[in-house]
Amino acid sequence: MKKWLYLLTFLFIFTIVFLLNVDRARAEGGVIAFDKTNLQELEHMPKVPPISEPLVPNDGAAGEIIIQATDYIKSAQVSIYNNGSSLKISGHTDSYMNADKITTTLYLQVWDSSRSRWVDYSGGKEFVKYGTNYLYNFVEYIAPKGYYYRTRGVHKVTMGSKTETFSSVSSSIYYF
């Protein structure tokens, strides 16, 4: 019985306090003011970069870009993972047939909030295979924590004297 009495008392007081705040907000123009003092710990976080949008409709696996209207490149994808003590970036390039040369170049990018743009953190790591239709590889970086990172990839398939190129980006992660 005492528990119910305490619960009803709490609900009654809570309701009164809530209604007083709503009435005060209406008197101040209908907007309930938000106190930012509770968010002080989040102010050290950098500005959030824009969400990466797929370049074409995504009909495959999560994060995979299915390329349409190409002669050689079937699909291309890059990813980024937080391994705790490092960042692992990976990517693949898939062609419709065995290519003379297939290349995936991976770049680690960091969000520069002062200029509101992505900048290359690494100079790029190029992986090459010959006489195949698929290339996958990865590289790990020890990077400063407290920033947003993503992967940028440049995918190339060469058949004879013709090279087809496609660029892709991963979604971003906050590395802490």
Foldseek 3Di string as FASTA:
>chain_A
DVVVVVVVVVVVVVVVVVVVQQVVCVVVPRDRDDDCPVVVVVPLAFDDADWDDAPDDDPDDVQKHQDPDDDWWGTKGKWWDAPPQKIKIKMKTFTPAFFQKKKKKKFKWWQDRVVRDIDTPDPIDMDMDGRGGMDMDMDIGRDDARTKIKMKMWIWTHHDPDIDIDIGIGTIDHGD
